[in-house]
Amino acid sequence: MNYHQYYQTDVINGPGTRATLFVSGCEHQCRGCYNQSTWNPCSGHVFDADMAQRIVDDLNDERIKRRGLSLSGGDPLYPANLDAILSLVKQVKEQCPGKDIWLWTGYRLAELSSQQQAVVDLVNVVVDGKFEQELADPSLVFRGSSNQIIHYLR
């Protein structure tokens, strides 16, 4: 898996102060997407064990209290990303007690593969649905268009 950007401190992508990872790879390619540079799964930087550990270390850093991890992109549930995302989510769950995980995906919860569902089973909140430019609304919180749904899972 590749990632495009990592913000060790972010207050935009989810509630509170967070760490946010924007992964590479998206097959939805929504018209009007603000993150088109993440569509190519080969773009950005290689995500490796050192990067995963950096995220864990940042989440556990007491100097800047972070509420959790946000996963966006691209699409974290893009098939080529699933192994790395599942591993990262498990690592955060095990090594960062009390931290929540938010995930944005263009897939609908009802259409997930079993591999995608395995990731979703471990996160706290999923924002699902493709960005629809005709339904874009800048007043929405944590989503770009009104068809997208915020699912509070746990």
C-alpha atoms as a PDB file:
ATOM      1  CA  MET A   1       0.000   0.000   0.000  1.00  0.00           C
ATOM      2  CA  ASN A   2       1.039   3.566  -0.599  1.00  0.00           C
ATOM      3  CA  TYR A   3      -0.039   6.669   1.242  1.00  0.00           C
ATOM      4  CA  HIS A   4      -0.218  10.200   0.006  1.00  0.00           C
ATOM      5  CA  GLN A   5      -0.075  12.263   3.158  1.00  0.00           C
ATOM      6  CA  TYR A   6       0.170  11.789   6.902  1.00  0.00           C
ATOM      7  CA  TYR A   7      -0.791  14.487   9.372  1.00  0.00           C
ATOM      8  CA  GLN A   8       0.460  13.723  12.862  1.00  0.00           C
ATOM      9  CA  THR A   9      -1.813  16.457  14.229  1.00  0.00           C
ATOM     10  CA  ASP A  10      -5.151  17.157  12.530  1.00  0.00           C
ATOM     11  CA  VAL A  11      -8.342  18.850  13.735  1.00  0.00           C
ATOM     12  CA  ILE A  12     -10.370  18.676  10.500  1.00  0.00           C
ATOM     13  CA  ASN A  13     -10.886  14.971   9.731  1.00  0.00           C
ATOM     14  CA  GLY A  14     -12.946  13.783  12.673  1.00  0.00           C
ATOM     15  CA  PRO A  15     -13.652  15.033  16.170  1.00  0.00           C
ATOM     16  CA  GLY A  16     -10.892  16.337  18.407  1.00  0.00           C
ATOM     17  CA  THR A  17      -7.187  16.306  17.689  1.00  0.00           C
ATOM     18  CA  ARG A  18      -6.257  13.278  15.580  1.00  0.00           C
ATOM     19  CA  ALA A  19      -3.603  11.630  13.460  1.00  0.00           C
ATOM     20  CA  THR A  20      -4.774  11.299   9.841  1.00  0.00           C
ATOM     21  CA  LEU A  21      -3.502   9.039   7.062  1.00  0.00           C
ATOM     22  CA  PHE A  22      -4.502   9.630   3.441  1.00  0.00           C
ATOM     23  CA  VAL A  23      -3.889   6.403   1.522  1.00  0.00           C
ATOM     24  CA  SER A  24      -3.367   6.040  -2.212  1.00  0.00           C
ATOM     25  CA  GLY A  25      -5.744   4.111  -4.443  1.00  0.00           C
ATOM     26  CA  CYS A  26      -9.394   4.687  -5.283  1.00  0.00           C
ATOM     27  CA  GLU A  27     -11.536   3.091  -7.959  1.00  0.00           C
ATOM     28  CA  HIS A  28     -14.549   5.382  -7.422  1.00  0.00           C
ATOM     29  CA  GLN A  29     -12.960   8.463  -9.002  1.00  0.00           C
ATOM     30  CA  CYS A  30     -15.870  10.700  -8.024  1.00  0.00           C
ATOM     31  CA  ARG A  31     -16.453  13.803 -10.135  1.00  0.00           C
ATOM     32  CA  GLY A  32     -15.449  16.832  -8.078  1.00  0.00           C
ATOM     33  CA  CYS A  33     -13.258  14.859  -5.667  1.00  0.00           C
ATOM     34  CA  TYR A  34     -10.920  17.193  -3.812  1.00  0.00           C
ATOM     35  CA  ASN A  35      -8.282  14.473  -3.502  1.00  0.00           C
ATOM     36  CA  GLN A  36      -7.847  13.262  -7.100  1.00  0.00           C
ATOM     37  CA  SER A  37      -4.088  12.999  -6.633  1.00  0.00           C
ATOM     38  CA  THR A  38      -4.708   9.973  -4.363  1.00  0.00           C
ATOM     39  CA  TRP A  39      -6.570   7.874  -6.946  1.00  0.00           C
ATOM     40  CA  ASN A  40      -3.475   6.152  -8.362  1.00  0.00           C
ATOM     41  CA  PRO A  41      -2.506   3.315  -5.991  1.00  0.00           C
ATOM     42  CA  CYS A  42       1.167   3.729  -6.965  1.00  0.00           C
ATOM     43  CA  SER A  43       1.325   7.439  -6.082  1.00  0.00           C
ATOM     44  CA  GLY A  44       2.753   8.814  -2.892  1.00  0.00           C
ATOM     45  CA  HIS A  45       5.018   6.934  -0.516  1.00  0.00           C
ATOM     46  CA  VAL A  46       5.334   3.279   0.431  1.00  0.00           C
ATOM     47  CA  PHE A  47       3.551   2.485   3.688  1.00  0.00           C
ATOM     48  CA  ASP A  48       5.788   0.261   5.808  1.00  0.00           C
ATOM     49  CA  ALA A  49       6.220  -0.975   9.386  1.00  0.00           C
ATOM     50  CA  ASP A  50       8.165   2.168  10.317  1.00  0.00           C
ATOM     51  CA  MET A  51       5.274   4.371   9.201  1.00  0.00           C
ATOM     52  CA  ALA A  52       2.781   2.244  11.121  1.00  0.00           C
ATOM     53  CA  GLN A  53       4.941   2.541  14.229  1.00  0.00           C
ATOM     54  CA  ARG A  54       5.197   6.303  13.759  1.00  0.00           C
ATOM     55  CA  ILE A  55       1.384   6.528  13.783  1.00  0.00           C
ATOM     56  CA  VAL A  56       1.186   4.424  16.960  1.00  0.00           C
ATOM     57  CA  ASP A  57       3.894   6.521  18.609  1.00  0.00           C
ATOM     58  CA  ASP A  58       2.102   9.748  17.673  1.00  0.00           C
ATOM     59  CA  LEU A  59      -1.215   8.440  19.030  1.00  0.00           C
ATOM     60  CA  ASN A  60       0.480   7.544  22.312  1.00  0.00           C
ATOM     61  CA  ASP A  61       2.445  10.805  22.585  1.00  0.00           C
ATOM     62  CA  GLU A  62       1.255  12.478  25.789  1.00  0.00           C
ATOM     63  CA  ARG A  63       2.559  15.917  24.777  1.00  0.00           C
ATOM     64  CA  ILE A  64      -0.229  16.256  22.200  1.00  0.00           C
ATOM     65  CA  LYS A  65      -3.351  14.354  23.260  1.00  0.00           C
ATOM     66  CA  ARG A  66      -4.924  12.793  20.200  1.00  0.00           C
ATOM     67  CA  ARG A  67      -8.419  11.347  20.306  1.00  0.00           C
ATOM     68  CA  GLY A  68      -7.731   8.844  17.551  1.00  0.00           C
ATOM     69  CA  LEU A  69      -6.811   7.943  13.999  1.00  0.00           C
ATOM     70  CA  SER A  70      -8.590   9.006  10.809  1.00  0.00           C
ATOM     71  CA  LEU A  71      -8.163   6.948   7.632  1.00  0.00           C
ATOM     72  CA  SER A  72      -9.041   8.593   4.335  1.00  0.00           C
ATOM     73  CA  GLY A  73      -7.655   8.788   0.865  1.00  0.00           C
ATOM     74  CA  GLY A  74      -8.002   7.611  -1.816  1.00  0.00           C
ATOM     75  CA  ASP A  75      -9.965   4.846  -0.179  1.00  0.00           C
ATOM     76  CA  PRO A  76      -8.729   2.786   2.773  1.00  0.00           C
ATOM     77  CA  LEU A  77     -11.024  -0.046   1.636  1.00  0.00           C
ATOM     78  CA  TYR A  78      -9.579  -0.103  -1.886  1.00  0.00           C
ATOM     79  CA  PRO A  79      -8.820  -3.836  -2.387  1.00  0.00           C
ATOM     80  CA  ALA A  80      -5.036  -3.388  -2.708  1.00  0.00           C
ATOM     81  CA  ASN A  81      -4.979  -1.494   0.619  1.00  0.00           C
ATOM     82  CA  LEU A  82      -6.855  -4.010   2.742  1.00  0.00           C
ATOM     83  CA  ASP A  83      -3.983  -6.073   4.150  1.00  0.00           C
ATOM     84  CA  ALA A  84      -2.011  -3.019   5.278  1.00  0.00           C
ATOM     85  CA  ILE A  85      -5.085  -1.199   6.616  1.00  0.00           C
ATOM     86  CA  LEU A  86      -6.252  -4.259   8.563  1.00  0.00           C
ATOM     87  CA  SER A  87      -2.797  -4.663  10.064  1.00  0.00           C
ATOM     88  CA  LEU A  88      -2.625  -0.961  10.999  1.00  0.00           C
ATOM     89  CA  VAL A  89      -6.088  -0.959  12.559  1.00  0.00           C
ATOM     90  CA  LYS A  90      -5.239  -4.050  14.635  1.00  0.00           C
ATOM     91  CA  GLN A  91      -1.966  -2.475  15.747  1.00  0.00           C
ATOM     92  CA  VAL A  92      -3.711   0.751  16.803  1.00  0.00           C
ATOM     93  CA  LYS A  93      -6.429  -1.173  18.652  1.00  0.00           C
ATOM     94  CA  GLU A  94      -3.819  -3.227  20.537  1.00  0.00           C
ATOM     95  CA  GLN A  95      -1.240  -0.534  21.256  1.00  0.00           C
ATOM     96  CA  CYS A  96      -3.337   2.638  21.623  1.00  0.00           C
ATOM     97  CA  PRO A  97      -6.042   1.913  24.192  1.00  0.00           C
ATOM     98  CA  GLY A  98      -8.901   4.362  24.236  1.00  0.00           C
ATOM     99  CA  LYS A  99      -8.190   5.798  20.786  1.00  0.00           C
ATOM    100  CA  ASP A 100     -10.996   5.762  18.241  1.00  0.00           C
ATOM    101  CA  ILE A 101     -10.663   5.083  14.517  1.00  0.00           C
ATOM    102  CA  TRP A 102     -12.664   6.880  11.825  1.00  0.00           C
ATOM    103  CA  LEU A 103     -12.641   5.650   8.220  1.00  0.00           C
ATOM    104  CA  TRP A 104     -13.943   7.287   5.025  1.00  0.00           C
ATOM    105  CA  THR A 105     -14.851   5.082   2.070  1.00  0.00           C
ATOM    106  CA  GLY A 106     -16.725   5.383  -1.205  1.00  0.00           C
ATOM    107  CA  TYR A 107     -18.130   1.897  -0.698  1.00  0.00           C
ATOM    108  CA  ARG A 108     -21.498   1.435   1.007  1.00  0.00           C
ATOM    109  CA  LEU A 109     -21.527  -0.746   4.121  1.00  0.00           C
ATOM    110  CA  ALA A 110     -24.094  -3.024   2.479  1.00  0.00           C
ATOM    111  CA  GLU A 111     -21.759  -3.817  -0.438  1.00  0.00           C
ATOM    112  CA  LEU A 112     -18.525  -4.630   1.407  1.00  0.00           C
ATOM    113  CA  SER A 113     -16.522  -7.769   0.727  1.00  0.00           C
ATOM    114  CA  SER A 114     -15.658  -9.984   3.670  1.00  0.00           C
ATOM    115  CA  GLN A 115     -12.120  -8.524   3.683  1.00  0.00           C
ATOM    116  CA  GLN A 116     -13.452  -4.977   3.759  1.00  0.00           C
ATOM    117  CA  GLN A 117     -15.917  -5.928   6.501  1.00  0.00           C
ATOM    118  CA  ALA A 118     -13.048  -7.320   8.602  1.00  0.00           C
ATOM    119  CA  VAL A 119     -11.558  -3.807   8.681  1.00  0.00           C
ATOM    120  CA  VAL A 120     -14.902  -2.131   9.395  1.00  0.00           C
ATOM    121  CA  ASP A 121     -15.508  -4.548  12.276  1.00  0.00           C
ATOM    122  CA  LEU A 122     -12.547  -2.957  14.079  1.00  0.00           C
ATOM    123  CA  VAL A 123     -13.224   0.745  13.538  1.00  0.00           C
ATOM    124  CA  ASN A 124     -15.486   3.051  15.513  1.00  0.00           C
ATOM    125  CA  VAL A 125     -16.973   5.225  12.785  1.00  0.00           C
ATOM    126  CA  VAL A 126     -17.360   4.807   9.026  1.00  0.00           C
ATOM    127  CA  VAL A 127     -18.384   7.568   6.657  1.00  0.00           C
ATOM    128  CA  ASP A 128     -19.592   5.711   3.577  1.00  0.00           C
ATOM    129  CA  GLY A 129     -20.728   6.567   0.079  1.00  0.00           C
ATOM    130  CA  LYS A 130     -19.205   8.165  -2.969  1.00  0.00           C
ATOM    131  CA  PHE A 131     -18.867  11.921  -3.111  1.00  0.00           C
ATOM    132  CA  GLU A 132     -21.715  13.239  -5.277  1.00  0.00           C
ATOM    133  CA  GLN A 133     -20.919  16.709  -6.594  1.00  0.00           C
ATOM    134  CA  GLU A 134     -24.623  17.471  -7.158  1.00  0.00           C
ATOM    135  CA  LEU A 135     -25.238  16.787  -3.448  1.00  0.00           C
ATOM    136  CA  ALA A 136     -22.170  18.655  -2.176  1.00  0.00           C
ATOM    137  CA  ASP A 137     -22.863  20.791   0.867  1.00  0.00           C
ATOM    138  CA  PRO A 138     -20.056  22.680   2.632  1.00  0.00           C
ATOM    139  CA  SER A 139     -22.174  22.964   5.791  1.00  0.00           C
ATOM    140  CA  LEU A 140     -22.049  19.204   6.378  1.00  0.00           C
ATOM    141  CA  VAL A 141     -19.761  18.024   9.150  1.00  0.00           C
ATOM    142  CA  PHE A 142     -17.233  15.249   8.327  1.00  0.00           C
ATOM    143  CA  ARG A 143     -18.699  14.526   4.878  1.00  0.00           C
ATOM    144  CA  GLY A 144     -18.756  16.267   1.535  1.00  0.00           C
ATOM    145  CA  SER A 145     -22.150  15.381   0.097  1.00  0.00           C
ATOM    146  CA  SER A 146     -25.534  14.682   1.645  1.00  0.00           C
ATOM    147  CA  ASN A 147     -25.727  11.078   0.365  1.00  0.00           C
ATOM    148  CA  GLN A 148     -22.769  10.097   2.538  1.00  0.00           C
ATOM    149  CA  ILE A 149     -23.728   8.569   5.887  1.00  0.00           C
ATOM    150  CA  ILE A 150     -21.845   8.668   9.171  1.00  0.00           C
ATOM    151  CA  HIS A 151     -22.162   5.258  10.859  1.00  0.00           C
ATOM    152  CA  TYR A 152     -21.306   5.225  14.560  1.00  0.00           C
ATOM    153  CA  LEU A 153     -20.463   1.541  15.028  1.00  0.00           C
ATOM    154  CA  ARG A 154     -19.029   1.353  18.543  1.00  0.00           C
END
